C-alpha atoms as a PDB file:
ATOM      1  CA  MET A   1       0.136   0.692   0.161  1.00  0.00           C
ATOM      2  CA  LYS A   2       1.511   3.535  -0.662  1.00  0.00           C
ATOM      3  CA  HIS A   3       1.483   5.286   2.241  1.00  0.00           C
ATOM      4  CA  ARG A   4       0.093   8.831   0.271  1.00  0.00           C
ATOM      5  CA  ASP A   5      -3.475   6.400  -0.045  1.00  0.00           C
ATOM      6  CA  THR A   6      -3.437   5.267   3.961  1.00  0.00           C
ATOM      7  CA  PHE A   7      -5.066   9.128   4.569  1.00  0.00           C
ATOM      8  CA  TYR A   8      -8.271   7.768   1.429  1.00  0.00           C
ATOM      9  CA  TYR A   9      -8.108   4.016   2.803  1.00  0.00           C
ATOM     10  CA  LEU A  10      -8.815   5.795   6.418  1.00  0.00           C
ATOM     11  CA  LEU A  11     -11.215   7.984   5.660  1.00  0.00           C
ATOM     12  CA  ILE A  12     -13.162   4.784   3.676  1.00  0.00           C
ATOM     13  CA  LEU A  13     -12.405   3.004   7.098  1.00  0.00           C
ATOM     14  CA  ILE A  14     -14.191   5.861   9.579  1.00  0.00           C
ATOM     15  CA  ALA A  15     -16.711   5.076   6.565  1.00  0.00           C
ATOM     16  CA  VAL A  16     -17.028   1.708   6.853  1.00  0.00           C
ATOM     17  CA  CYS A  17     -17.419   1.802  11.020  1.00  0.00           C
ATOM     18  CA  CYS A  18     -20.016   4.126  11.074  1.00  0.00           C
ATOM     19  CA  TRP A  19     -22.111   1.577   8.254  1.00  0.00           C
ATOM     20  CA  GLY A  20     -21.065  -1.279  10.898  1.00  0.00           C
ATOM     21  CA  VAL A  21     -22.493   0.567  13.641  1.00  0.00           C
ATOM     22  CA  SER A  22     -25.734   1.820  11.738  1.00  0.00           C
ATOM     23  CA  PHE A  23     -27.209  -1.966  11.837  1.00  0.00           C
ATOM     24  CA  VAL A  24     -26.815  -1.687  15.602  1.00  0.00           C
ATOM     25  CA  PHE A  25     -29.111   1.428  15.645  1.00  0.00           C
ATOM     26  CA  THR A  26     -31.214   0.606  12.884  1.00  0.00           C
ATOM     27  CA  THR A  27     -32.232  -3.089  14.920  1.00  0.00           C
ATOM     28  CA  GLY A  28     -32.340  -0.539  18.229  1.00  0.00           C
ATOM     29  CA  THR A  29     -34.663   1.970  16.757  1.00  0.00           C
ATOM     30  CA  PHE A  30     -37.133  -0.982  16.004  1.00  0.00           C
ATOM     31  CA  GLN A  31     -37.055  -2.315  19.566  1.00  0.00           C
ATOM     32  CA  LEU A  32     -37.758   0.785  21.385  1.00  0.00           C
ATOM     33  CA  CYS A  33     -40.847   1.840  19.194  1.00  0.00           C
ATOM     34  CA  GLU A  34     -42.822   0.768  16.018  1.00  0.00           C
ATOM     35  CA  MET A  35     -41.845   2.830  13.861  1.00  0.00           C
ATOM     36  CA  THR A  36     -42.179   1.590  10.019  1.00  0.00           C
ATOM     37  CA  PRO A  37     -38.738   0.993   8.338  1.00  0.00           C
ATOM     38  CA  VAL A  38     -40.155   3.791   5.199  1.00  0.00           C
ATOM     39  CA  ALA A  39     -40.572   6.346   8.149  1.00  0.00           C
ATOM     40  CA  LEU A  40     -36.875   5.262  10.170  1.00  0.00           C
ATOM     41  CA  ILE A  41     -35.268   6.138   6.416  1.00  0.00           C
ATOM     42  CA  PHE A  42     -37.804   9.335   6.094  1.00  0.00           C
ATOM     43  CA  PHE A  43     -36.416  10.590   9.470  1.00  0.00           C
ATOM     44  CA  ARG A  44     -32.988   9.756   8.596  1.00  0.00           C
ATOM     45  CA  LEU A  45     -32.747  11.220   5.047  1.00  0.00           C
ATOM     46  CA  LEU A  46     -35.206  14.777   5.954  1.00  0.00           C
ATOM     47  CA  ILE A  47     -31.592  15.289   8.712  1.00  0.00           C
ATOM     48  CA  ALA A  48     -29.337  14.526   6.633  1.00  0.00           C
ATOM     49  CA  ALA A  49     -30.329  15.998   3.173  1.00  0.00           C
ATOM     50  CA  PRO A  50     -30.946  19.379   4.503  1.00  0.00           C
ATOM     51  CA  LEU A  51     -27.316  19.058   6.141  1.00  0.00           C
ATOM     52  CA  GLN A  52     -25.659  18.595   3.408  1.00  0.00           C
ATOM     53  CA  VAL A  53     -27.507  20.360   0.913  1.00  0.00           C
ATOM     54  CA  ILE A  54     -26.477  23.749   3.637  1.00  0.00           C
ATOM     55  CA  VAL A  55     -23.334  22.531   3.182  1.00  0.00           C
ATOM     56  CA  CYS A  56     -22.911  22.499   0.289  1.00  0.00           C
ATOM     57  CA  ALA A  57     -24.360  25.621  -0.680  1.00  0.00           C
ATOM     58  CA  LEU A  58     -21.847  27.165   1.367  1.00  0.00           C
ATOM     59  CA  PHE A  59     -18.418  25.368   0.965  1.00  0.00           C
ATOM     60  CA  PHE A  60     -18.877  23.462  -2.322  1.00  0.00           C
ATOM     61  CA  ARG A  61     -21.079  25.499  -4.699  1.00  0.00           C
ATOM     62  CA  GLN A  62     -21.578  23.762  -8.220  1.00  0.00           C
ATOM     63  CA  LYS A  63     -23.156  25.614 -10.860  1.00  0.00           C
ATOM     64  CA  LEU A  64     -26.538  23.285 -12.221  1.00  0.00           C
ATOM     65  CA  ARG A  65     -26.838  24.234 -15.219  1.00  0.00           C
ATOM     66  CA  GLU A  66     -23.310  23.313 -16.271  1.00  0.00           C
ATOM     67  CA  ILE A  67     -23.564  19.264 -15.810  1.00  0.00           C
ATOM     68  CA  PRO A  68     -24.984  17.522 -18.592  1.00  0.00           C
ATOM     69  CA  ARG A  69     -28.583  16.126 -19.175  1.00  0.00           C
ATOM     70  CA  GLN A  70     -26.825  12.679 -18.969  1.00  0.00           C
ATOM     71  CA  ASP A  71     -25.273  13.411 -15.574  1.00  0.00           C
ATOM     72  CA  TRP A  72     -28.444  14.268 -14.675  1.00  0.00           C
ATOM     73  CA  LEU A  73     -29.400  10.700 -15.711  1.00  0.00           C
ATOM     74  CA  TYR A  74     -26.304   9.268 -13.229  1.00  0.00           C
ATOM     75  CA  LEU A  75     -26.996  11.094 -10.617  1.00  0.00           C
ATOM     76  CA  LEU A  76     -31.277  10.125 -10.240  1.00  0.00           C
ATOM     77  CA  SER A  77     -30.319   6.324 -11.241  1.00  0.00           C
ATOM     78  CA  LEU A  78     -27.997   6.702  -8.356  1.00  0.00           C
ATOM     79  CA  SER A  79     -30.456   7.825  -5.927  1.00  0.00           C
ATOM     80  CA  LEU A  80     -33.103   5.262  -6.753  1.00  0.00           C
ATOM     81  CA  PHE A  81     -30.390   2.672  -5.706  1.00  0.00           C
ATOM     82  CA  GLU A  82     -29.178   3.995  -2.804  1.00  0.00           C
ATOM     83  CA  PRO A  83     -30.482   5.294  -0.654  1.00  0.00           C
ATOM     84  CA  PHE A  84     -34.080   4.982  -2.022  1.00  0.00           C
ATOM     85  CA  LEU A  85     -34.049   1.086  -2.979  1.00  0.00           C
ATOM     86  CA  TYR A  86     -30.952   0.038  -0.787  1.00  0.00           C
ATOM     87  CA  PHE A  87     -32.178   1.382   2.936  1.00  0.00           C
ATOM     88  CA  ILE A  88     -36.238  -0.032   1.527  1.00  0.00           C
ATOM     89  CA  PHE A  89     -34.730  -3.695   1.145  1.00  0.00           C
ATOM     90  CA  GLU A  90     -31.960  -3.442   3.875  1.00  0.00           C
ATOM     91  CA  THR A  91     -33.789  -1.541   6.771  1.00  0.00           C
ATOM     92  CA  TYR A  92     -36.712  -4.129   6.082  1.00  0.00           C
ATOM     93  CA  SER A  93     -34.206  -6.348   6.391  1.00  0.00           C
ATOM     94  CA  LEU A  94     -34.004  -5.674   9.472  1.00  0.00           C
ATOM     95  CA  LYS A  95     -37.501  -5.632  10.673  1.00  0.00           C
ATOM     96  CA  VAL A  96     -38.758  -8.657   9.733  1.00  0.00           C
ATOM     97  CA  THR A  97     -34.920 -10.715  10.752  1.00  0.00           C
ATOM     98  CA  GLY A  98     -34.498  -8.587  13.915  1.00  0.00           C
ATOM     99  CA  ASP A  99     -30.662  -9.225  14.272  1.00  0.00           C
ATOM    100  CA  ALA A 100     -28.309  -7.305  12.643  1.00  0.00           C
ATOM    101  CA  THR A 101     -25.251  -9.398  12.185  1.00  0.00           C
ATOM    102  CA  ILE A 102     -26.775 -12.011   9.870  1.00  0.00           C
ATOM    103  CA  VAL A 103     -28.079  -9.142   7.438  1.00  0.00           C
ATOM    104  CA  SER A 104     -24.636  -7.558   7.738  1.00  0.00           C
ATOM    105  CA  VAL A 105     -22.983 -10.595   6.724  1.00  0.00           C
ATOM    106  CA  ILE A 106     -25.135 -11.053   3.601  1.00  0.00           C
ATOM    107  CA  ILE A 107     -23.885  -7.099   3.166  1.00  0.00           C
ATOM    108  CA  ALA A 108     -20.560  -8.147   2.845  1.00  0.00           C
ATOM    109  CA  THR A 109     -20.656 -10.320  -0.063  1.00  0.00           C
ATOM    110  CA  ILE A 110     -21.254  -6.659  -1.878  1.00  0.00           C
ATOM    111  CA  PRO A 111     -17.650  -6.889  -2.648  1.00  0.00           C
ATOM    112  CA  ILE A 112     -17.425 -10.520  -4.258  1.00  0.00           C
ATOM    113  CA  PHE A 113     -20.192  -8.385  -6.918  1.00  0.00           C
ATOM    114  CA  THR A 114     -18.179  -4.956  -7.377  1.00  0.00           C
ATOM    115  CA  VAL A 115     -14.843  -6.673  -7.658  1.00  0.00           C
ATOM    116  CA  PHE A 116     -16.098  -8.603 -10.902  1.00  0.00           C
ATOM    117  CA  LEU A 117     -17.207  -5.196 -12.180  1.00  0.00           C
ATOM    118  CA  SER A 118     -14.353  -3.256 -11.175  1.00  0.00           C
ATOM    119  CA  VAL A 119     -12.161  -4.903 -13.330  1.00  0.00           C
ATOM    120  CA  PHE A 120     -14.213  -6.711 -16.389  1.00  0.00           C
ATOM    121  CA  TYR A 121     -16.316  -2.936 -17.398  1.00  0.00           C
ATOM    122  CA  PHE A 122     -13.808  -0.321 -15.788  1.00  0.00           C
ATOM    123  CA  LYS A 123     -10.939  -2.457 -16.125  1.00  0.00           C
ATOM    124  CA  GLU A 124      -9.451  -1.390 -12.617  1.00  0.00           C
ATOM    125  CA  ASN A 125      -6.171  -3.394 -12.043  1.00  0.00           C
ATOM    126  CA  LEU A 126      -6.387  -6.394  -9.772  1.00  0.00           C
ATOM    127  CA  SER A 127      -3.426  -8.893  -8.546  1.00  0.00           C
ATOM    128  CA  LYS A 128      -3.650 -12.509  -7.986  1.00  0.00           C
ATOM    129  CA  LEU A 129      -3.128 -11.511  -4.547  1.00  0.00           C
ATOM    130  CA  ASN A 130      -6.004  -8.438  -4.335  1.00  0.00           C
ATOM    131  CA  ILE A 131      -8.695 -11.369  -6.108  1.00  0.00           C
ATOM    132  CA  PHE A 132      -7.121 -13.605  -3.243  1.00  0.00           C
ATOM    133  CA  GLY A 133      -8.226 -11.288  -0.454  1.00  0.00           C
ATOM    134  CA  VAL A 134     -11.529 -10.449  -1.839  1.00  0.00           C
ATOM    135  CA  ILE A 135     -11.745 -14.637  -1.633  1.00  0.00           C
ATOM    136  CA  ALA A 136     -10.158 -14.755   2.207  1.00  0.00           C
ATOM    137  CA  SER A 137     -12.136 -12.203   3.583  1.00  0.00           C
ATOM    138  CA  VAL A 138     -15.900 -13.118   2.126  1.00  0.00           C
ATOM    139  CA  ILE A 139     -14.824 -16.489   4.302  1.00  0.00           C
ATOM    140  CA  GLY A 140     -13.585 -14.454   7.182  1.00  0.00           C
ATOM    141  CA  VAL A 141     -16.773 -12.764   7.214  1.00  0.00           C
ATOM    142  CA  ILE A 142     -18.427 -16.765   7.152  1.00  0.00           C
ATOM    143  CA  ILE A 143     -16.351 -18.064   9.827  1.00  0.00           C
ATOM    144  CA  MET A 144     -17.604 -15.340  11.936  1.00  0.00           C
ATOM    145  CA  LEU A 145     -20.680 -15.317  12.116  1.00  0.00           C
ATOM    146  CA  ALA A 146     -21.283 -19.048  11.163  1.00  0.00           C
ATOM    147  CA  PRO A 147     -22.433 -19.773  14.960  1.00  0.00           C
ATOM    148  CA  LYS A 148     -25.663 -17.154  14.501  1.00  0.00           C
ATOM    149  CA  PHE A 149     -26.444 -18.814  11.058  1.00  0.00           C
ATOM    150  CA  GLY A 150     -26.343 -22.043  12.676  1.00  0.00           C
ATOM    151  CA  SER A 151     -28.572 -20.880  15.741  1.00  0.00           C
ATOM    152  CA  SER A 152     -30.682 -18.653  14.651  1.00  0.00           C
ATOM    153  CA  GLY A 153     -34.107 -19.465  12.344  1.00  0.00           C
ATOM    154  CA  ALA A 154     -33.309 -16.500  10.095  1.00  0.00           C
ATOM    155  CA  ASN A 155     -36.796 -15.670   8.351  1.00  0.00           C
ATOM    156  CA  HIS A 156     -36.501 -16.599   4.588  1.00  0.00           C
ATOM    157  CA  LEU A 157     -38.357 -13.187   3.505  1.00  0.00           C
ATOM    158  CA  GLY A 158     -35.539 -10.841   5.529  1.00  0.00           C
ATOM    159  CA  LEU A 159     -32.569 -12.821   3.951  1.00  0.00           C
ATOM    160  CA  LEU A 160     -33.618 -12.259   0.776  1.00  0.00           C
ATOM    161  CA  LEU A 161     -34.560  -8.580   1.821  1.00  0.00           C
ATOM    162  CA  ALA A 162     -31.291  -8.460   1.907  1.00  0.00           C
ATOM    163  CA  PHE A 163     -29.939  -9.938  -1.282  1.00  0.00           C
ATOM    164  CA  GLY A 164     -31.878  -7.192  -2.720  1.00  0.00           C
ATOM    165  CA  ALA A 165     -29.852  -4.628  -0.801  1.00  0.00           C
ATOM    166  CA  VAL A 166     -26.863  -6.512  -2.160  1.00  0.00           C
ATOM    167  CA  LEU A 167     -27.705  -6.019  -5.663  1.00  0.00           C
ATOM    168  CA  THR A 168     -28.839  -2.030  -5.301  1.00  0.00           C
ATOM    169  CA  ALA A 169     -25.942  -1.552  -3.551  1.00  0.00           C
ATOM    170  CA  VAL A 170     -23.358  -3.235  -6.805  1.00  0.00           C
ATOM    171  CA  GLY A 171     -26.108  -0.632  -9.322  1.00  0.00           C
ATOM    172  CA  TYR A 172     -25.193   2.343  -7.129  1.00  0.00           C
ATOM    173  CA  SER A 173     -21.720   1.339  -7.469  1.00  0.00           C
ATOM    174  CA  PHE A 174     -22.152   1.752 -10.587  1.00  0.00           C
ATOM    175  CA  PHE A 175     -23.628   4.941 -11.306  1.00  0.00           C
ATOM    176  CA  LEU A 176     -21.328   6.004  -8.352  1.00  0.00           C
ATOM    177  CA  ARG A 177     -17.769   4.988 -11.011  1.00  0.00           C
ATOM    178  CA  LYS A 178     -19.593   6.907 -13.594  1.00  0.00           C
ATOM    179  CA  ILE A 179     -19.187  10.405 -11.765  1.00  0.00           C
ATOM    180  CA  SER A 180     -17.276  10.294  -8.916  1.00  0.00           C
ATOM    181  CA  ASP A 181     -14.429  11.857 -10.495  1.00  0.00           C
ATOM    182  CA  ARG A 182     -16.170  14.515 -11.741  1.00  0.00           C
ATOM    183  CA  TYR A 183     -18.005  16.280  -9.653  1.00  0.00           C
ATOM    184  CA  ASN A 184     -17.442  17.047  -5.558  1.00  0.00           C
ATOM    185  CA  PRO A 185     -18.268  14.490  -3.019  1.00  0.00           C
ATOM    186  CA  ILE A 186     -20.471  17.048  -1.161  1.00  0.00           C
ATOM    187  CA  PHE A 187     -22.487  18.137  -3.761  1.00  0.00           C
ATOM    188  CA  ILE A 188     -23.090  13.905  -5.183  1.00  0.00           C
ATOM    189  CA  VAL A 189     -24.072  12.736  -1.459  1.00  0.00           C
ATOM    190  CA  SER A 190     -26.455  16.038  -1.092  1.00  0.00           C
ATOM    191  CA  CYS A 191     -28.416  14.741  -5.127  1.00  0.00           C
ATOM    192  CA  GLN A 192     -28.479  11.729  -3.566  1.00  0.00           C
ATOM    193  CA  ASN A 193     -30.137  12.073  -0.001  1.00  0.00           C
ATOM    194  CA  THR A 194     -32.877  15.124  -1.793  1.00  0.00           C
ATOM    195  CA  MET A 195     -33.595  13.170  -4.317  1.00  0.00           C
ATOM    196  CA  GLY A 196     -33.918  10.483  -2.286  1.00  0.00           C
ATOM    197  CA  LEU A 197     -36.254  12.215   0.343  1.00  0.00           C
ATOM    198  CA  LEU A 198     -38.196  12.958  -2.471  1.00  0.00           C
ATOM    199  CA  LEU A 199     -39.224   9.540  -3.557  1.00  0.00           C
ATOM    200  CA  LEU A 200     -40.129   8.794  -0.142  1.00  0.00           C
ATOM    201  CA  VAL A 201     -42.534  11.543  -0.130  1.00  0.00           C
ATOM    202  CA  PRO A 202     -44.744   9.790  -1.598  1.00  0.00           C
ATOM    203  CA  LEU A 203     -44.330   6.408   0.121  1.00  0.00           C
ATOM    204  CA  MET A 204     -45.069   7.594   3.371  1.00  0.00           C
ATOM    205  CA  PHE A 205     -48.763   8.789   2.318  1.00  0.00           C
ATOM    206  CA  ILE A 206     -49.313   5.791   0.265  1.00  0.00           C
ATOM    207  CA  LEU A 207     -48.015   3.426   3.493  1.00  0.00           C
ATOM    208  CA  HIS A 208     -49.443   5.407   6.025  1.00  0.00           C
ATOM    209  CA  SER A 209     -53.059   7.022   7.202  1.00  0.00           C
ATOM    210  CA  PRO A 210     -52.938  10.554   8.768  1.00  0.00           C
ATOM    211  CA  ALA A 211     -52.965   9.084  12.223  1.00  0.00           C
ATOM    212  CA  GLU A 212     -50.004   6.377  11.418  1.00  0.00           C
ATOM    213  CA  LEU A 213     -48.604   9.485   9.850  1.00  0.00           C
ATOM    214  CA  HIS A 214     -49.161  11.597  13.501  1.00  0.00           C
ATOM    215  CA  ALA A 215     -47.644   7.590  15.779  1.00  0.00           C
ATOM    216  CA  GLN A 216     -44.523   7.701  13.287  1.00  0.00           C
ATOM    217  CA  PHE A 217     -43.708  11.234  14.204  1.00  0.00           C
ATOM    218  CA  SER A 218     -44.918  11.284  17.830  1.00  0.00           C
ATOM    219  CA  TYR A 219     -41.912   8.737  18.527  1.00  0.00           C
ATOM    220  CA  LEU A 220     -39.754  11.216  18.121  1.00  0.00           C
ATOM    221  CA  SER A 221     -40.455  13.049  20.872  1.00  0.00           C
ATOM    222  CA  ASN A 222     -38.744   9.413  22.885  1.00  0.00           C
ATOM    223  CA  PRO A 223     -35.545  10.213  23.419  1.00  0.00           C
ATOM    224  CA  ALA A 224     -33.538   7.731  22.649  1.00  0.00           C
ATOM    225  CA  VAL A 225     -35.230   6.859  19.574  1.00  0.00           C
ATOM    226  CA  LEU A 226     -34.626  10.388  18.282  1.00  0.00           C
ATOM    227  CA  LYS A 227     -31.018   9.497  18.753  1.00  0.00           C
ATOM    228  CA  TYR A 228     -30.582   6.895  17.159  1.00  0.00           C
ATOM    229  CA  VAL A 229     -32.409   8.356  14.446  1.00  0.00           C
ATOM    230  CA  LEU A 230     -30.004  11.282  14.782  1.00  0.00           C
ATOM    231  CA  LEU A 231     -26.630   9.830  14.502  1.00  0.00           C
ATOM    232  CA  LEU A 232     -28.063   7.826  11.837  1.00  0.00           C
ATOM    233  CA  ALA A 233     -28.669  10.470   9.819  1.00  0.00           C
ATOM    234  CA  ILE A 234     -25.429  12.510  10.248  1.00  0.00           C
ATOM    235  CA  PHE A 235     -23.022   9.386  10.892  1.00  0.00           C
ATOM    236  CA  CYS A 236     -24.138   7.034   9.049  1.00  0.00           C
ATOM    237  CA  SER A 237     -25.976   9.417   5.915  1.00  0.00           C
ATOM    238  CA  ALA A 238     -24.204  12.014   5.867  1.00  0.00           C
ATOM    239  CA  ILE A 239     -20.914  11.589   7.059  1.00  0.00           C
ATOM    240  CA  ALA A 240     -19.832   8.679   5.966  1.00  0.00           C
ATOM    241  CA  TYR A 241     -21.441   8.180   2.154  1.00  0.00           C
ATOM    242  CA  THR A 242     -19.076  11.553   1.779  1.00  0.00           C
ATOM    243  CA  LEU A 243     -16.084  10.348   3.192  1.00  0.00           C
ATOM    244  CA  TYR A 244     -16.626   6.951   0.444  1.00  0.00           C
ATOM    245  CA  ILE A 245     -16.521   8.648  -2.436  1.00  0.00           C
ATOM    246  CA  VAL A 246     -13.732  10.777  -1.618  1.00  0.00           C
ATOM    247  CA  GLY A 247     -11.495   7.525  -0.755  1.00  0.00           C
ATOM    248  CA  LEU A 248     -13.339   5.965  -3.580  1.00  0.00           C
ATOM    249  CA  GLN A 249     -12.189   8.422  -5.736  1.00  0.00           C
ATOM    250  CA  ARG A 250      -8.304   7.931  -4.823  1.00  0.00           C
ATOM    251  CA  VAL A 251      -8.151   4.142  -4.452  1.00  0.00           C
ATOM    252  CA  GLY A 252     -10.834   2.367  -6.996  1.00  0.00           C
ATOM    253  CA  LEU A 253     -14.050   0.858  -7.028  1.00  0.00           C
ATOM    254  CA  GLY A 254     -12.547  -2.613  -6.081  1.00  0.00           C
ATOM    255  CA  ARG A 255     -10.738  -1.698  -3.325  1.00  0.00           C
ATOM    256  CA  ALA A 256     -12.707   0.622  -1.873  1.00  0.00           C
ATOM    257  CA  ASN A 257     -16.066  -1.926  -1.867  1.00  0.00           C
ATOM    258  CA  THR A 258     -14.366  -4.454  -0.323  1.00  0.00           C
ATOM    259  CA  SER A 259     -13.286  -3.102   2.684  1.00  0.00           C
ATOM    260  CA  THR A 260     -17.254  -2.587   3.200  1.00  0.00           C
ATOM    261  CA  ASN A 261     -16.556  -6.463   3.853  1.00  0.00           C
ATOM    262  CA  LEU A 262     -15.209  -5.131   7.261  1.00  0.00           C
ATOM    263  CA  ILE A 263     -18.893  -4.047   8.383  1.00  0.00           C
ATOM    264  CA  PRO A 264     -19.728  -7.242  10.279  1.00  0.00           C
ATOM    265  CA  VAL A 265     -16.536  -6.922  12.111  1.00  0.00           C
ATOM    266  CA  VAL A 266     -17.563  -3.759  13.470  1.00  0.00           C
ATOM    267  CA  THR A 267     -21.025  -4.595  13.773  1.00  0.00           C
ATOM    268  CA  GLY A 268     -19.992  -7.416  15.956  1.00  0.00           C
ATOM    269  CA  ILE A 269     -17.399  -5.481  18.188  1.00  0.00           C
ATOM    270  CA  PHE A 270     -20.116  -3.131  18.711  1.00  0.00           C
ATOM    271  CA  ALA A 271     -22.258  -5.253  19.809  1.00  0.00           C
ATOM    272  CA  TYR A 272     -20.249  -6.871  22.354  1.00  0.00           C
ATOM    273  CA  PHE A 273     -19.602  -3.682  23.882  1.00  0.00           C
ATOM    274  CA  PHE A 274     -22.701  -1.602  23.922  1.00  0.00           C
ATOM    275  CA  ILE A 275     -25.546  -4.209  23.955  1.00  0.00           C
ATOM    276  CA  ASN A 276     -23.456  -7.531  25.841  1.00  0.00           C
ATOM    277  CA  GLU A 277     -23.835 -10.081  22.475  1.00  0.00           C
ATOM    278  CA  PRO A 278     -21.061 -12.747  22.768  1.00  0.00           C
ATOM    279  CA  PHE A 279     -17.767 -12.189  20.195  1.00  0.00           C
ATOM    280  CA  PRO A 280     -16.379 -15.745  20.965  1.00  0.00           C
ATOM    281  CA  ALA A 281     -12.865 -17.126  19.703  1.00  0.00           C
ATOM    282  CA  LEU A 282     -14.547 -18.314  16.251  1.00  0.00           C
ATOM    283  CA  LYS A 283     -15.905 -14.948  15.849  1.00  0.00           C
ATOM    284  CA  ILE A 284     -12.161 -13.934  16.271  1.00  0.00           C
ATOM    285  CA  ILE A 285     -10.467 -16.092  14.078  1.00  0.00           C
ATOM    286  CA  GLY A 286     -12.318 -15.308  11.341  1.00  0.00           C
ATOM    287  CA  ALA A 287     -12.829 -11.380  12.549  1.00  0.00           C
ATOM    288  CA  ILE A 288      -9.007 -11.489  11.812  1.00  0.00           C
ATOM    289  CA  ILE A 289      -8.926 -13.174   8.691  1.00  0.00           C
ATOM    290  CA  VAL A 290     -11.224 -10.608   7.204  1.00  0.00           C
ATOM    291  CA  VAL A 291      -8.169  -8.010   7.929  1.00  0.00           C
ATOM    292  CA  ALA A 292      -6.339 -10.003   6.317  1.00  0.00           C
ATOM    293  CA  GLY A 293      -8.379 -10.523   3.501  1.00  0.00           C
ATOM    294  CA  VAL A 294      -9.047  -7.062   3.245  1.00  0.00           C
ATOM    295  CA  TRP A 295      -4.542  -5.719   3.251  1.00  0.00           C
ATOM    296  CA  CYS A 296      -4.741  -7.959   0.815  1.00  0.00           C
ATOM    297  CA  VAL A 297      -7.020  -6.530  -1.328  1.00  0.00           C
ATOM    298  CA  GLN A 298      -5.259  -2.820  -0.721  1.00  0.00           C
ATOM    299  CA  ILE A 299      -1.795  -4.163  -1.364  1.00  0.00           C
ATOM    300  CA  LYS A 300      -0.969  -2.707  -5.182  1.00  0.00           C
ATOM    301  CA  LEU A 301       2.393  -4.180  -6.494  1.00  0.00           C
ATOM    302  CA  GLU A 302       4.992  -2.428  -8.461  1.00  0.00           C
ATOM    303  CA  LYS A 303       5.779  -3.568 -11.659  1.00  0.00           C
END
């Protein structure tokens, strides 16, 4: 790994940590109240989008008239895949299964698909060692969470929804790679969160009656629920995506996405310290393999 890239890998690592913790925050929200997945996503973006737009307007101004029509289509497609579809699949999966670790291990399979996308479509250079790292990190994830799969009667619909999130994340990576080098990350995240919020507004009124809407908003009066929503909005949506895009611009799609294999590790560690979820030897071994695999993917061999 080149030393000048270390900073960008650190940004990606911070983003991954935010996303790993988000599974616990989301599950915790559902444990505290009867908030629907669509309402949670709506509140999350309702807070994140205006914050991003304000920051973008103050420090990273972009002349909208100069953006080609094709790029607007890319931005709209980007927003459709993530946050709109991805959050729906992921959040409903967490709601149905009630198991953050099971969902996080399925989400960790995203790099398997994005590495092939980066190599065969975007022609990024990955060595045999990099490919080995992808395989090793996935094996490590499976080992780490094997006891969870064995003991949990996971809902099949929930697992199917989680794999839906994986496919939408690959679509997001495709469109992100198309435009990530041409625009400031703050602007990209502002667009995707704002467009995602606008796509969610009709769903809020279609899926909730006026009484149900009032009930969903009333849950925010609970300080614990509001805390989770704010953490999801500020750190897991606004900050995490911005840092990830900055890192992706430097290290490439394949290497950036493989770092998401660390998400189950972060989820497991966070759950161990904050909600007393056990972290047995098999999980530790799997976590070490994941870290080693991700490290192999990041190594750039000199010719």
